[in-house]
């Protein structure tokens, strides 16, 4: 979906990183200078992943778990967010809206 909108995106599975510990996965993603799009709430801890110290993070917070719900939120993010202008930010996308945490 991201590739169809002009973004250079790969999945954790595409990279062969499935099953990696969060810390290792984070280091690999940041080494490539990529954003992380995830439903793992642990990555939204701004004490561990402060805005401005990484390429960017999108957290999908669906009311119900499931691929369809996450894809719907991802579409919402793609349609509404100027990712290029907000590098290093943390976005939390939910049915209630979009929260953006930027570097201080």
Protein backbone atom coordinates (compact mmCIF):
# COMPACT_ATOMS: atom_id res chain seq x y z
CA UNK A 1 0.00 0.00 0.00
CA UNK A 2 2.76 2.46 0.87
CA UNK A 3 4.67 1.60 -2.30
CA UNK A 4 1.53 2.29 -4.34
CA UNK A 5 1.52 5.81 -2.87
CA UNK A 6 5.13 6.46 -3.86
CA UNK A 7 6.89 5.48 -0.64
CA UNK A 8 9.89 3.13 -0.57
CA UNK A 9 8.49 0.57 1.87
CA UNK A 10 9.45 -2.96 2.85
CA UNK A 11 8.07 -5.28 5.49
CA UNK A 12 9.90 -6.88 8.36
CA UNK A 13 9.20 -10.20 6.65
CA UNK A 14 10.65 -8.91 3.35
CA UNK A 15 13.84 -8.01 5.20
CA UNK A 16 14.06 -11.40 6.92
CA UNK A 17 13.71 -9.81 10.34
CA UNK A 18 10.59 -11.62 11.56
CA UNK A 19 10.97 -12.62 15.19
CA UNK A 20 13.67 -10.02 15.93
CA UNK A 21 13.68 -8.44 19.37
CA UNK A 22 12.27 -4.89 19.39
CA UNK A 23 15.67 -3.32 20.17
CA UNK A 24 17.38 -5.17 17.34
CA UNK A 25 14.56 -4.44 14.92
CA UNK A 26 14.63 -0.75 15.84
CA UNK A 27 18.39 -0.50 15.26
CA UNK A 28 18.10 -2.16 11.86
CA UNK A 29 15.25 0.10 10.74
CA UNK A 30 17.05 3.24 11.86
CA UNK A 31 20.29 2.12 10.21
CA UNK A 32 18.34 2.13 6.93
CA UNK A 33 16.80 5.53 7.75
CA UNK A 34 13.27 4.18 7.51
CA UNK A 35 10.04 4.96 9.30
CA UNK A 36 8.45 2.17 11.32
CA UNK A 37 4.73 1.52 10.86
CA UNK A 38 3.54 -0.81 13.61
CA UNK A 39 0.71 -1.80 15.91
CA UNK A 40 3.16 -2.62 18.73
CA UNK A 41 2.38 -0.08 21.48
CA UNK A 42 5.82 -0.56 23.01
CA UNK A 43 7.31 1.55 20.21
CA UNK A 44 5.12 4.51 21.19
CA UNK A 45 7.03 4.99 24.46
CA UNK A 46 8.59 8.40 23.80
CA UNK A 47 11.04 7.84 26.67
CA UNK A 48 12.59 4.96 24.70
CA UNK A 49 11.99 6.37 21.21
CA UNK A 50 11.93 10.18 21.60
CA UNK A 51 10.72 12.22 18.61
CA UNK A 52 13.61 13.67 16.66
CA UNK A 53 16.00 10.80 17.43
CA UNK A 54 14.79 8.57 14.60
CA UNK A 55 13.42 8.71 11.06
CA UNK A 56 9.81 8.48 12.24
CA UNK A 57 7.23 6.17 13.75
CA UNK A 58 3.57 5.47 12.97
CA UNK A 59 1.58 3.56 15.60
CA UNK A 60 -1.72 2.09 14.43
CA UNK A 61 -4.17 1.84 17.36
CA UNK A 62 -7.20 -0.10 16.14
CA UNK A 63 -10.23 -0.62 18.37
CA UNK A 64 -10.16 -4.28 17.36
CA UNK A 65 -7.13 -6.25 16.26
CA UNK A 66 -7.16 -7.46 12.70
CA UNK A 67 -5.57 -6.82 9.34
CA UNK A 68 -8.63 -5.01 7.97
CA UNK A 69 -8.64 -2.56 10.89
CA UNK A 70 -4.92 -1.86 10.60
CA UNK A 71 -5.14 -1.35 6.84
CA UNK A 72 -7.98 1.13 7.33
CA UNK A 73 -5.87 3.14 9.78
CA UNK A 74 -2.87 2.97 7.45
CA UNK A 75 -4.98 4.44 4.64
CA UNK A 76 -6.06 7.21 7.01
CA UNK A 77 -2.41 7.98 7.74
CA UNK A 78 -1.37 7.96 4.09
CA UNK A 79 -4.22 10.25 3.07
CA UNK A 80 -3.79 12.79 5.85
CA UNK A 81 -0.14 12.99 6.87
CA UNK A 82 2.68 14.92 5.21
CA UNK A 83 5.38 12.42 6.18
CA UNK A 84 8.06 14.27 4.22
CA UNK A 85 7.51 17.39 6.33
CA UNK A 86 7.41 15.65 9.70
CA UNK A 87 10.50 13.46 9.81
CA UNK A 88 11.38 12.21 13.26
CA UNK A 89 7.81 12.53 14.55
CA UNK A 90 5.73 9.90 16.31
CA UNK A 91 2.21 9.53 14.90
CA UNK A 92 -0.54 7.68 16.75
CA UNK A 93 -3.39 6.82 14.38
CA UNK A 94 -6.71 5.69 15.86
CA UNK A 95 -10.40 5.84 15.06
CA UNK A 96 -10.60 8.93 17.29
CA UNK A 97 -8.00 10.85 15.32
CA UNK A 98 -4.31 11.43 14.76
CA UNK A 99 -1.85 12.56 17.42
CA UNK A 100 1.53 13.90 16.38
CA UNK A 101 4.47 14.10 18.76
CA UNK A 102 7.35 16.15 17.39
CA UNK A 103 10.84 16.83 18.61
CA UNK A 104 11.00 19.61 21.22
